[in-house]
Amino acid sequence: MLIFLLRLFGQQGPVRRFIIGLNIVNLAQMVGVFFAIVLQCLPVSFNWDPTVRGGRCVEQRILYTSNAAFNILTDLLVLGLPLYIFSDLAIPKRTKVALLFVFLLGFL
């Protein structure tokens, strides 16, 4: 979605920087969550074999809840981006409302 918005509205300087920054944040989160999930228990084999001596895990509820909260935040930023972009367009109000409706269908 961010790449689509970048191609569609990437000519405006601040919008372009925001989209690229949000994309970098999403990619960093993807890498961070991957390693957090893989390494949530040390040694890794403790994930499927709780009889391993010396094994320990992070609090999974906290890990999953913080990941979900960060996902919701980035999703809301992506959903709100077209609202900001369309507010400056010089088009009829009816067309602007229709465009906003189409882009906000993702909220459902």
PDB file of N, CA and C in Angstrom:
ATOM      1  N   MET A   1       0.820  -1.187   0.000  1.00  0.00           N
ATOM      2  CA  MET A   1       0.000   0.000   0.000  1.00  0.00           C
ATOM      3  C   MET A   1       0.865   1.253   0.000  1.00  0.00           C
ATOM      4  N   LEU A   2       1.934   1.216   0.780  1.00  0.00           N
ATOM      5  CA  LEU A   2       2.813   2.387   0.836  1.00  0.00           C
ATOM      6  C   LEU A   2       3.510   2.642  -0.491  1.00  0.00           C
ATOM      7  N   ILE A   3       3.902   1.588  -1.156  1.00  0.00           N
ATOM      8  CA  ILE A   3       4.540   1.761  -2.469  1.00  0.00           C
ATOM      9  C   ILE A   3       3.540   2.300  -3.477  1.00  0.00           C
ATOM     10  N   PHE A   4       2.290   1.830  -3.395  1.00  0.00           N
ATOM     11  CA  PHE A   4       1.232   2.363  -4.256  1.00  0.00           C
ATOM     12  C   PHE A   4       1.029   3.850  -3.985  1.00  0.00           C
ATOM     13  N   LEU A   5       0.950   4.238  -2.717  1.00  0.00           N
ATOM     14  CA  LEU A   5       0.773   5.653  -2.378  1.00  0.00           C
ATOM     15  C   LEU A   5       1.985   6.474  -2.798  1.00  0.00           C
ATOM     16  N   LEU A   6       3.165   5.900  -2.716  1.00  0.00           N
ATOM     17  CA  LEU A   6       4.370   6.610  -3.143  1.00  0.00           C
ATOM     18  C   LEU A   6       4.343   6.869  -4.642  1.00  0.00           C
ATOM     19  N   ARG A   7       3.910   5.877  -5.388  1.00  0.00           N
ATOM     20  CA  ARG A   7       3.817   6.064  -6.842  1.00  0.00           C
ATOM     21  C   ARG A   7       2.710   7.052  -7.210  1.00  0.00           C
ATOM     22  N   LEU A   8       1.626   7.042  -6.437  1.00  0.00           N
ATOM     23  CA  LEU A   8       0.478   7.883  -6.746  1.00  0.00           C
ATOM     24  C   LEU A   8       0.686   9.322  -6.296  1.00  0.00           C
ATOM     25  N   PHE A   9       1.242   9.520  -5.100  1.00  0.00           N
ATOM     26  CA  PHE A   9       1.346  10.862  -4.524  1.00  0.00           C
ATOM     27  C   PHE A   9       2.765  11.228  -4.117  1.00  0.00           C
ATOM     28  N   GLY A  10       3.761  10.582  -4.673  1.00  0.00           N
ATOM     29  CA  GLY A  10       5.139  10.782  -4.241  1.00  0.00           C
ATOM     30  C   GLY A  10       5.804  12.044  -4.734  1.00  0.00           C
ATOM     31  N   GLN A  11       5.081  12.901  -5.449  1.00  0.00           N
ATOM     32  CA  GLN A  11       5.696  14.113  -5.967  1.00  0.00           C
ATOM     33  C   GLN A  11       5.849  15.182  -4.892  1.00  0.00           C
ATOM     34  N   GLN A  12       4.980  15.176  -3.886  1.00  0.00           N
ATOM     35  CA  GLN A  12       5.048  16.167  -2.817  1.00  0.00           C
ATOM     36  C   GLN A  12       6.166  15.778  -1.860  1.00  0.00           C
ATOM     37  N   GLY A  13       7.062  16.719  -1.560  1.00  0.00           N
ATOM     38  CA  GLY A  13       8.234  16.433  -0.740  1.00  0.00           C
ATOM     39  C   GLY A  13       7.938  15.855   0.634  1.00  0.00           C
ATOM     40  N   PRO A  14       7.136  16.546   1.461  1.00  0.00           N
ATOM     41  CA  PRO A  14       6.877  16.015   2.808  1.00  0.00           C
ATOM     42  C   PRO A  14       6.127  14.678   2.788  1.00  0.00           C
ATOM     43  N   VAL A  15       5.222  14.519   1.848  1.00  0.00           N
ATOM     44  CA  VAL A  15       4.470  13.263   1.754  1.00  0.00           C
ATOM     45  C   VAL A  15       5.407  12.136   1.357  1.00  0.00           C
ATOM     46  N   ARG A  16       6.290  12.414   0.427  1.00  0.00           N
ATOM     47  CA  ARG A  16       7.252  11.398  -0.023  1.00  0.00           C
ATOM     48  C   ARG A  16       8.158  10.960   1.134  1.00  0.00           C
ATOM     49  N   ARG A  17       8.666  11.927   1.908  1.00  0.00           N
ATOM     50  CA  ARG A  17       9.531  11.587   3.041  1.00  0.00           C
ATOM     51  C   ARG A  17       8.774  10.786   4.102  1.00  0.00           C
ATOM     52  N   PHE A  18       7.513  11.157   4.359  1.00  0.00           N
ATOM     53  CA  PHE A  18       6.716  10.438   5.346  1.00  0.00           C
ATOM     54  C   PHE A  18       6.473   8.996   4.912  1.00  0.00           C
ATOM     55  N   ILE A  19       6.144   8.798   3.629  1.00  0.00           N
ATOM     56  CA  ILE A  19       5.883   7.449   3.126  1.00  0.00           C
ATOM     57  C   ILE A  19       7.151   6.602   3.190  1.00  0.00           C
ATOM     58  N   ILE A  20       8.266   7.159   2.770  1.00  0.00           N
ATOM     59  CA  ILE A  20       9.529   6.414   2.818  1.00  0.00           C
ATOM     60  C   ILE A  20       9.906   6.102   4.261  1.00  0.00           C
ATOM     61  N   GLY A  21       9.733   7.066   5.161  1.00  0.00           N
ATOM     62  CA  GLY A  21      10.037   6.831   6.574  1.00  0.00           C
ATOM     63  C   GLY A  21       9.149   5.755   7.179  1.00  0.00           C
ATOM     64  N   LEU A  22       7.856   5.795   6.852  1.00  0.00           N
ATOM     65  CA  LEU A  22       6.939   4.781   7.365  1.00  0.00           C
ATOM     66  C   LEU A  22       7.265   3.406   6.795  1.00  0.00           C
ATOM     67  N   ASN A  23       7.695   3.373   5.552  1.00  0.00           N
ATOM     68  CA  ASN A  23       8.097   2.106   4.944  1.00  0.00           C
ATOM     69  C   ASN A  23       9.351   1.554   5.628  1.00  0.00           C
ATOM     70  N   ILE A  24      10.292   2.425   5.958  1.00  0.00           N
ATOM     71  CA  ILE A  24      11.504   1.984   6.668  1.00  0.00           C
ATOM     72  C   ILE A  24      11.136   1.461   8.052  1.00  0.00           C
ATOM     73  N   VAL A  25      10.232   2.151   8.736  1.00  0.00           N
ATOM     74  CA  VAL A  25       9.784   1.695  10.057  1.00  0.00           C
ATOM     75  C   VAL A  25       9.123   0.323   9.951  1.00  0.00           C
ATOM     76  N   ASN A  26       8.286   0.128   8.928  1.00  0.00           N
ATOM     77  CA  ASN A  26       7.633  -1.168   8.738  1.00  0.00           C
ATOM     78  C   ASN A  26       8.639  -2.276   8.459  1.00  0.00           C
ATOM     79  N   LEU A  27       9.630  -1.987   7.629  1.00  0.00           N
ATOM     80  CA  LEU A  27      10.658  -2.996   7.340  1.00  0.00           C
ATOM     81  C   LEU A  27      11.487  -3.315   8.582  1.00  0.00           C
ATOM     82  N   ALA A  28      11.829  -2.292   9.360  1.00  0.00           N
ATOM     83  CA  ALA A  28      12.582  -2.527  10.593  1.00  0.00           C
ATOM     84  C   ALA A  28      11.752  -3.342  11.583  1.00  0.00           C
ATOM     85  N   GLN A  29      10.457  -3.050  11.649  1.00  0.00           N
ATOM     86  CA  GLN A  29       9.590  -3.826  12.530  1.00  0.00           C
ATOM     87  C   GLN A  29       9.516  -5.282  12.073  1.00  0.00           C
ATOM     88  N   MET A  30       9.440  -5.481  10.775  1.00  0.00           N
ATOM     89  CA  MET A  30       9.368  -6.841  10.247  1.00  0.00           C
ATOM     90  C   MET A  30      10.606  -7.645  10.664  1.00  0.00           C
ATOM     91  N   VAL A  31      11.779  -7.060  10.517  1.00  0.00           N
ATOM     92  CA  VAL A  31      13.018  -7.740  10.889  1.00  0.00           C
ATOM     93  C   VAL A  31      13.070  -7.948  12.405  1.00  0.00           C
ATOM     94  N   GLY A  32      12.702  -6.908  13.160  1.00  0.00           N
ATOM     95  CA  GLY A  32      12.737  -7.012  14.615  1.00  0.00           C
ATOM     96  C   GLY A  32      11.778  -8.056  15.161  1.00  0.00           C
ATOM     97  N   VAL A  33      10.579  -8.109  14.611  1.00  0.00           N
ATOM     98  CA  VAL A  33       9.598  -9.098  15.077  1.00  0.00           C
ATOM     99  C   VAL A  33      10.046 -10.503  14.694  1.00  0.00           C
ATOM    100  N   PHE A  34      10.635 -10.653  13.531  1.00  0.00           N
ATOM    101  CA  PHE A  34      11.146 -11.965  13.130  1.00  0.00           C
ATOM    102  C   PHE A  34      12.138 -12.491  14.160  1.00  0.00           C
ATOM    103  N   PHE A  35      13.126 -11.663  14.501  1.00  0.00           N
ATOM    104  CA  PHE A  35      14.135 -12.116  15.459  1.00  0.00           C
ATOM    105  C   PHE A  35      13.555 -12.257  16.864  1.00  0.00           C
ATOM    106  N   ALA A  36      12.606 -11.399  17.231  1.00  0.00           N
ATOM    107  CA  ALA A  36      11.993 -11.512  18.555  1.00  0.00           C
ATOM    108  C   ALA A  36      11.200 -12.809  18.683  1.00  0.00           C
ATOM    109  N   ILE A  37      10.505 -13.204  17.627  1.00  0.00           N
ATOM    110  CA  ILE A  37       9.722 -14.440  17.669  1.00  0.00           C
ATOM    111  C   ILE A  37      10.643 -15.658  17.648  1.00  0.00           C
ATOM    112  N   VAL A  38      11.661 -15.620  16.789  1.00  0.00           N
ATOM    113  CA  VAL A  38      12.575 -16.766  16.710  1.00  0.00           C
ATOM    114  C   VAL A  38      13.349 -16.930  18.015  1.00  0.00           C
ATOM    115  N   LEU A  39      13.770 -15.820  18.614  1.00  0.00           N
ATOM    116  CA  LEU A  39      14.618 -15.885  19.801  1.00  0.00           C
ATOM    117  C   LEU A  39      13.845 -15.626  21.095  1.00  0.00           C
ATOM    118  N   GLN A  40      12.528 -15.814  21.089  1.00  0.00           N
ATOM    119  CA  GLN A  40      11.762 -15.556  22.305  1.00  0.00           C
ATOM    120  C   GLN A  40      12.096 -16.550  23.405  1.00  0.00           C
ATOM    121  N   CYS A  41      12.574 -17.728  23.045  1.00  0.00           N
ATOM    122  CA  CYS A  41      13.031 -18.708  24.027  1.00  0.00           C
ATOM    123  C   CYS A  41      14.492 -19.044  23.726  1.00  0.00           C
ATOM    124  N   LEU A  42      15.287 -19.084  24.758  1.00  0.00           N
ATOM    125  CA  LEU A  42      16.693 -19.462  24.611  1.00  0.00           C
ATOM    126  C   LEU A  42      16.967 -20.650  25.511  1.00  0.00           C
ATOM    127  N   PRO A  43      17.552 -21.689  25.022  1.00  0.00           N
ATOM    128  CA  PRO A  43      17.854 -21.980  23.628  1.00  0.00           C
ATOM    129  C   PRO A  43      16.566 -22.128  22.818  1.00  0.00           C
ATOM    130  N   VAL A  44      16.687 -21.970  21.512  1.00  0.00           N
ATOM    131  CA  VAL A  44      15.526 -21.971  20.630  1.00  0.00           C
ATOM    132  C   VAL A  44      14.745 -23.276  20.740  1.00  0.00           C
ATOM    133  N   SER A  45      15.416 -24.354  20.996  1.00  0.00           N
ATOM    134  CA  SER A  45      14.732 -25.645  21.106  1.00  0.00           C
ATOM    135  C   SER A  45      13.772 -25.691  22.291  1.00  0.00           C
ATOM    136  N   PHE A  46      13.903 -24.758  23.222  1.00  0.00           N
ATOM    137  CA  PHE A  46      12.997 -24.703  24.371  1.00  0.00           C
ATOM    138  C   PHE A  46      11.567 -24.358  23.940  1.00  0.00           C
ATOM    139  N   ASN A  47      11.398 -23.804  22.733  1.00  0.00           N
ATOM    140  CA  ASN A  47      10.061 -23.504  22.195  1.00  0.00           C
ATOM    141  C   ASN A  47       9.211 -24.758  22.095  1.00  0.00           C
ATOM    142  N   TRP A  48       9.784 -25.852  21.632  1.00  0.00           N
ATOM    143  CA  TRP A  48       9.011 -27.076  21.414  1.00  0.00           C
ATOM    144  C   TRP A  48       9.350 -28.201  22.392  1.00  0.00           C
ATOM    145  N   ASP A  49      10.415 -28.013  23.163  1.00  0.00           N
ATOM    146  CA  ASP A  49      10.801 -29.028  24.148  1.00  0.00           C
ATOM    147  C   ASP A  49      11.052 -28.352  25.493  1.00  0.00           C
ATOM    148  N   PRO A  50      10.001 -28.220  26.321  1.00  0.00           N
ATOM    149  CA  PRO A  50      10.171 -27.501  27.595  1.00  0.00           C
ATOM    150  C   PRO A  50      11.004 -28.257  28.631  1.00  0.00           C
ATOM    151  N   THR A  51      11.473 -29.440  28.280  1.00  0.00           N
ATOM    152  CA  THR A  51      12.306 -30.200  29.232  1.00  0.00           C
ATOM    153  C   THR A  51      13.786 -29.836  29.124  1.00  0.00           C
ATOM    154  N   VAL A  52      14.151 -28.968  28.180  1.00  0.00           N
ATOM    155  CA  VAL A  52      15.554 -28.550  28.020  1.00  0.00           C
ATOM    156  C   VAL A  52      15.978 -27.793  29.274  1.00  0.00           C
ATOM    157  N   ARG A  53      17.109 -28.184  29.822  1.00  0.00           N
ATOM    158  CA  ARG A  53      17.595 -27.547  31.046  1.00  0.00           C
ATOM    159  C   ARG A  53      18.135 -26.153  30.736  1.00  0.00           C
ATOM    160  N   GLY A  54      17.820 -25.224  31.624  1.00  0.00           N
ATOM    161  CA  GLY A  54      18.341 -23.865  31.487  1.00  0.00           C
ATOM    162  C   GLY A  54      17.586 -23.027  30.470  1.00  0.00           C
ATOM    163  N   GLY A  55      16.480 -23.520  29.981  1.00  0.00           N
ATOM    164  CA  GLY A  55      15.710 -22.761  28.999  1.00  0.00           C
ATOM    165  C   GLY A  55      14.863 -21.689  29.671  1.00  0.00           C
ATOM    166  N   ARG A  56      14.708 -20.581  28.976  1.00  0.00           N
ATOM    167  CA  ARG A  56      13.866 -19.504  29.480  1.00  0.00           C
ATOM    168  C   ARG A  56      13.230 -18.783  28.296  1.00  0.00           C
ATOM    169  N   CYS A  57      12.077 -18.188  28.543  1.00  0.00           N
ATOM    170  CA  CYS A  57      11.344 -17.473  27.496  1.00  0.00           C
ATOM    171  C   CYS A  57      10.968 -16.079  27.989  1.00  0.00           C
ATOM    172  N   VAL A  58      10.778 -15.176  27.043  1.00  0.00           N
ATOM    173  CA  VAL A  58      10.254 -13.858  27.383  1.00  0.00           C
ATOM    174  C   VAL A  58       8.763 -14.004  27.681  1.00  0.00           C
ATOM    175  N   GLU A  59       8.178 -12.985  28.240  1.00  0.00           N
ATOM    176  CA  GLU A  59       6.745 -12.995  28.499  1.00  0.00           C
ATOM    177  C   GLU A  59       6.033 -12.832  27.157  1.00  0.00           C
ATOM    178  N   GLN A  60       5.469 -13.922  26.653  1.00  0.00           N
ATOM    179  CA  GLN A  60       4.900 -13.923  25.306  1.00  0.00           C
ATOM    180  C   GLN A  60       3.700 -12.988  25.184  1.00  0.00           C
ATOM    181  N   ARG A  61       2.917 -12.872  26.235  1.00  0.00           N
ATOM    182  CA  ARG A  61       1.753 -11.991  26.188  1.00  0.00           C
ATOM    183  C   ARG A  61       2.189 -10.549  25.929  1.00  0.00           C
ATOM    184  N   ILE A  62       3.255 -10.125  26.590  1.00  0.00           N
ATOM    185  CA  ILE A  62       3.767  -8.762  26.400  1.00  0.00           C
ATOM    186  C   ILE A  62       4.334  -8.596  24.995  1.00  0.00           C
ATOM    187  N   LEU A  63       5.068  -9.592  24.515  1.00  0.00           N
ATOM    188  CA  LEU A  63       5.639  -9.540  23.170  1.00  0.00           C
ATOM    189  C   LEU A  63       4.546  -9.417  22.116  1.00  0.00           C
ATOM    190  N   TYR A  64       3.523 -10.240  22.205  1.00  0.00           N
ATOM    191  CA  TYR A  64       2.453 -10.218  21.204  1.00  0.00           C
ATOM    192  C   TYR A  64       1.603  -8.964  21.311  1.00  0.00           C
ATOM    193  N   THR A  65       1.330  -8.502  22.523  1.00  0.00           N
ATOM    194  CA  THR A  65       0.520  -7.294  22.702  1.00  0.00           C
ATOM    195  C   THR A  65       1.248  -6.059  22.190  1.00  0.00           C
ATOM    196  N   SER A  66       2.530  -5.936  22.479  1.00  0.00           N
ATOM    197  CA  SER A  66       3.286  -4.779  21.989  1.00  0.00           C
ATOM    198  C   SER A  66       3.418  -4.818  20.469  1.00  0.00           C
ATOM    199  N   ASN A  67       3.580  -5.991  19.901  1.00  0.00           N
ATOM    200  CA  ASN A  67       3.639  -6.117  18.447  1.00  0.00           C
ATOM    201  C   ASN A  67       2.302  -5.721  17.825  1.00  0.00           C
ATOM    202  N   ALA A  68       1.201  -6.167  18.419  1.00  0.00           N
ATOM    203  CA  ALA A  68      -0.117  -5.824  17.891  1.00  0.00           C
ATOM    204  C   ALA A  68      -0.382  -4.324  18.001  1.00  0.00           C
ATOM    205  N   ALA A  69       0.011  -3.708  19.113  1.00  0.00           N
ATOM    206  CA  ALA A  69      -0.198  -2.263  19.285  1.00  0.00           C
ATOM    207  C   ALA A  69       0.600  -1.475  18.251  1.00  0.00           C
ATOM    208  N   PHE A  70       1.833  -1.888  17.999  1.00  0.00           N
ATOM    209  CA  PHE A  70       2.645  -1.193  16.999  1.00  0.00           C
ATOM    210  C   PHE A  70       2.059  -1.377  15.600  1.00  0.00           C
ATOM    211  N   ASN A  71       1.539  -2.579  15.302  1.00  0.00           N
ATOM    212  CA  ASN A  71       0.888  -2.816  14.014  1.00  0.00           C
ATOM    213  C   ASN A  71      -0.337  -1.933  13.838  1.00  0.00           C
ATOM    214  N   ILE A  72      -1.138  -1.806  14.875  1.00  0.00           N
ATOM    215  CA  ILE A  72      -2.336  -0.957  14.799  1.00  0.00           C
ATOM    216  C   ILE A  72      -1.934   0.487  14.560  1.00  0.00           C
ATOM    217  N   LEU A  73      -0.900   0.966  15.243  1.00  0.00           N
ATOM    218  CA  LEU A  73      -0.439   2.342  15.056  1.00  0.00           C
ATOM    219  C   LEU A  73       0.004   2.593  13.619  1.00  0.00           C
ATOM    220  N   THR A  74       0.826   1.704  13.071  1.00  0.00           N
ATOM    221  CA  THR A  74       1.286   1.906  11.692  1.00  0.00           C
ATOM    222  C   THR A  74       0.136   1.774  10.704  1.00  0.00           C
ATOM    223  N   ASP A  75      -0.822   0.887  10.982  1.00  0.00           N
ATOM    224  CA  ASP A  75      -1.983   0.767  10.096  1.00  0.00           C
ATOM    225  C   ASP A  75      -2.810   2.048  10.097  1.00  0.00           C
ATOM    226  N   LEU A  76      -2.991   2.643  11.263  1.00  0.00           N
ATOM    227  CA  LEU A  76      -3.740   3.901  11.332  1.00  0.00           C
ATOM    228  C   LEU A  76      -3.016   5.033  10.608  1.00  0.00           C
ATOM    229  N   LEU A  77      -1.696   5.042  10.692  1.00  0.00           N
ATOM    230  CA  LEU A  77      -0.930   6.055   9.957  1.00  0.00           C
ATOM    231  C   LEU A  77      -1.088   5.872   8.447  1.00  0.00           C
ATOM    232  N   VAL A  78      -1.066   4.619   7.990  1.00  0.00           N
ATOM    233  CA  VAL A  78      -1.237   4.352   6.560  1.00  0.00           C
ATOM    234  C   VAL A  78      -2.653   4.717   6.120  1.00  0.00           C
ATOM    235  N   LEU A  79      -3.653   4.422   6.952  1.00  0.00           N
ATOM    236  CA  LEU A  79      -5.030   4.770   6.607  1.00  0.00           C
ATOM    237  C   LEU A  79      -5.261   6.278   6.632  1.00  0.00           C
ATOM    238  N   GLY A  80      -4.576   6.990   7.502  1.00  0.00           N
ATOM    239  CA  GLY A  80      -4.756   8.431   7.595  1.00  0.00           C
ATOM    240  C   GLY A  80      -4.007   9.218   6.542  1.00  0.00           C
ATOM    241  N   LEU A  81      -3.053   8.608   5.900  1.00  0.00           N
ATOM    242  CA  LEU A  81      -2.253   9.304   4.890  1.00  0.00           C
ATOM    243  C   LEU A  81      -3.089   9.830   3.725  1.00  0.00           C
ATOM    244  N   PRO A  82      -4.007   9.047   3.152  1.00  0.00           N
ATOM    245  CA  PRO A  82      -4.830   9.607   2.071  1.00  0.00           C
ATOM    246  C   PRO A  82      -5.702  10.774   2.531  1.00  0.00           C
ATOM    247  N   LEU A  83      -6.126  10.771   3.784  1.00  0.00           N
ATOM    248  CA  LEU A  83      -6.912  11.901   4.292  1.00  0.00           C
ATOM    249  C   LEU A  83      -6.109  13.185   4.207  1.00  0.00           C
ATOM    250  N   TYR A  84      -4.857  13.118   4.596  1.00  0.00           N
ATOM    251  CA  TYR A  84      -3.980  14.286   4.531  1.00  0.00           C
ATOM    252  C   TYR A  84      -3.724  14.702   3.080  1.00  0.00           C
ATOM    253  N   ILE A  85      -3.482  13.729   2.231  1.00  0.00           N
ATOM    254  CA  ILE A  85      -3.176  14.028   0.831  1.00  0.00           C
ATOM    255  C   ILE A  85      -4.389  14.627   0.133  1.00  0.00           C
ATOM    256  N   PHE A  86      -5.563  14.048   0.337  1.00  0.00           N
ATOM    257  CA  PHE A  86      -6.752  14.511  -0.363  1.00  0.00           C
ATOM    258  C   PHE A  86      -7.264  15.841   0.155  1.00  0.00           C
ATOM    259  N   SER A  87      -6.890  16.233   1.362  1.00  0.00           N
ATOM    260  CA  SER A  87      -7.375  17.504   1.898  1.00  0.00           C
ATOM    261  C   SER A  87      -6.835  18.689   1.103  1.00  0.00           C
ATOM    262  N   ASP A  88      -5.687  18.529   0.451  1.00  0.00           N
ATOM    263  CA  ASP A  88      -5.089  19.625  -0.320  1.00  0.00           C
ATOM    264  C   ASP A  88      -5.451  19.613  -1.799  1.00  0.00           C
ATOM    265  N   LEU A  89      -6.161  18.595  -2.265  1.00  0.00           N
ATOM    266  CA  LEU A  89      -6.485  18.526  -3.683  1.00  0.00           C
ATOM    267  C   LEU A  89      -7.546  19.551  -4.056  1.00  0.00           C
ATOM    268  N   ALA A  90      -7.374  20.164  -5.212  1.00  0.00           N
ATOM    269  CA  ALA A  90      -8.331  21.150  -5.715  1.00  0.00           C
ATOM    270  C   ALA A  90      -9.323  20.448  -6.644  1.00  0.00           C
ATOM    271  N   ILE A  91     -10.208  19.654  -6.054  1.00  0.00           N
ATOM    272  CA  ILE A  91     -11.237  18.934  -6.810  1.00  0.00           C
ATOM    273  C   ILE A  91     -12.576  19.185  -6.125  1.00  0.00           C
ATOM    274  N   PRO A  92     -13.661  18.917  -6.830  1.00  0.00           N
ATOM    275  CA  PRO A  92     -14.968  19.125  -6.209  1.00  0.00           C
ATOM    276  C   PRO A  92     -15.135  18.290  -4.940  1.00  0.00           C
ATOM    277  N   LYS A  93     -15.911  18.838  -4.013  1.00  0.00           N
ATOM    278  CA  LYS A  93     -16.080  18.185  -2.711  1.00  0.00           C
ATOM    279  C   LYS A  93     -16.674  16.796  -2.852  1.00  0.00           C
ATOM    280  N   ARG A  94     -17.595  16.615  -3.770  1.00  0.00           N
ATOM    281  CA  ARG A  94     -18.233  15.311  -3.966  1.00  0.00           C
ATOM    282  C   ARG A  94     -17.212  14.261  -4.417  1.00  0.00           C
ATOM    283  N   THR A  95     -16.339  14.642  -5.315  1.00  0.00           N
ATOM    284  CA  THR A  95     -15.288  13.741  -5.795  1.00  0.00           C
ATOM    285  C   THR A  95     -14.304  13.425  -4.667  1.00  0.00           C
ATOM    286  N   LYS A  96     -13.985  14.441  -3.867  1.00  0.00           N
ATOM    287  CA  LYS A  96     -13.062  14.243  -2.753  1.00  0.00           C
ATOM    288  C   LYS A  96     -13.643  13.254  -1.741  1.00  0.00           C
ATOM    289  N   VAL A  97     -14.932  13.381  -1.444  1.00  0.00           N
ATOM    290  CA  VAL A  97     -15.580  12.472  -0.506  1.00  0.00           C
ATOM    291  C   VAL A  97     -15.596  11.050  -1.066  1.00  0.00           C
ATOM    292  N   ALA A  98     -15.859  10.918  -2.376  1.00  0.00           N
ATOM    293  CA  ALA A  98     -15.861   9.590  -3.005  1.00  0.00           C
ATOM    294  C   ALA A  98     -14.476   8.952  -2.932  1.00  0.00           C
ATOM    295  N   LEU A  99     -13.432   9.723  -3.196  1.00  0.00           N
ATOM    296  CA  LEU A  99     -12.066   9.203  -3.106  1.00  0.00           C
ATOM    297  C   LEU A  99     -11.720   8.782  -1.674  1.00  0.00           C
ATOM    298  N   LEU A 100     -12.109   9.605  -0.716  1.00  0.00           N
ATOM    299  CA  LEU A 100     -11.856   9.260   0.676  1.00  0.00           C
ATOM    300  C   LEU A 100     -12.585   7.974   1.062  1.00  0.00           C
ATOM    301  N   PHE A 101     -13.807   7.823   0.592  1.00  0.00           N
ATOM    302  CA  PHE A 101     -14.569   6.617   0.884  1.00  0.00           C
ATOM    303  C   PHE A 101     -13.874   5.380   0.332  1.00  0.00           C
ATOM    304  N   VAL A 102     -13.395   5.465  -0.889  1.00  0.00           N
ATOM    305  CA  VAL A 102     -12.712   4.325  -1.520  1.00  0.00           C
ATOM    306  C   VAL A 102     -11.442   3.968  -0.749  1.00  0.00           C
ATOM    307  N   PHE A 103     -10.660   4.975  -0.366  1.00  0.00           N
ATOM    308  CA  PHE A 103      -9.432   4.701   0.333  1.00  0.00           C
ATOM    309  C   PHE A 103      -9.665   4.228   1.770  1.00  0.00           C
ATOM    310  N   LEU A 104     -10.756   4.657   2.389  1.00  0.00           N
ATOM    311  CA  LEU A 104     -11.045   4.251   3.759  1.00  0.00           C
ATOM    312  C   LEU A 104     -11.770   2.909   3.841  1.00  0.00           C
ATOM    313  N   LEU A 105     -12.046   2.278   2.702  1.00  0.00           N
ATOM    314  CA  LEU A 105     -12.628   0.932   2.735  1.00  0.00           C
ATOM    315  C   LEU A 105     -11.700  -0.053   3.429  1.00  0.00           C
ATOM    316  N   GLY A 106     -10.416   0.221   3.385  1.00  0.00           N
ATOM    317  CA  GLY A 106      -9.450  -0.633   4.057  1.00  0.00           C
ATOM    318  C   GLY A 106      -9.621  -0.647   5.562  1.00  0.00           C
ATOM    319  N   PHE A 107     -10.257   0.376   6.112  1.00  0.00           N
ATOM    320  CA  PHE A 107     -10.499   0.445   7.552  1.00  0.00           C
ATOM    321  C   PHE A 107     -11.465  -0.645   7.992  1.00  0.00           C
ATOM    322  N   LEU A 108     -12.366  -1.040   7.096  1.00  0.00           N
ATOM    323  CA  LEU A 108     -13.317  -2.088   7.421  1.00  0.00           C
ATOM    324  C   LEU A 108     -12.615  -3.414   7.570  1.00  0.00           C
TER     325      LEU A 108
END
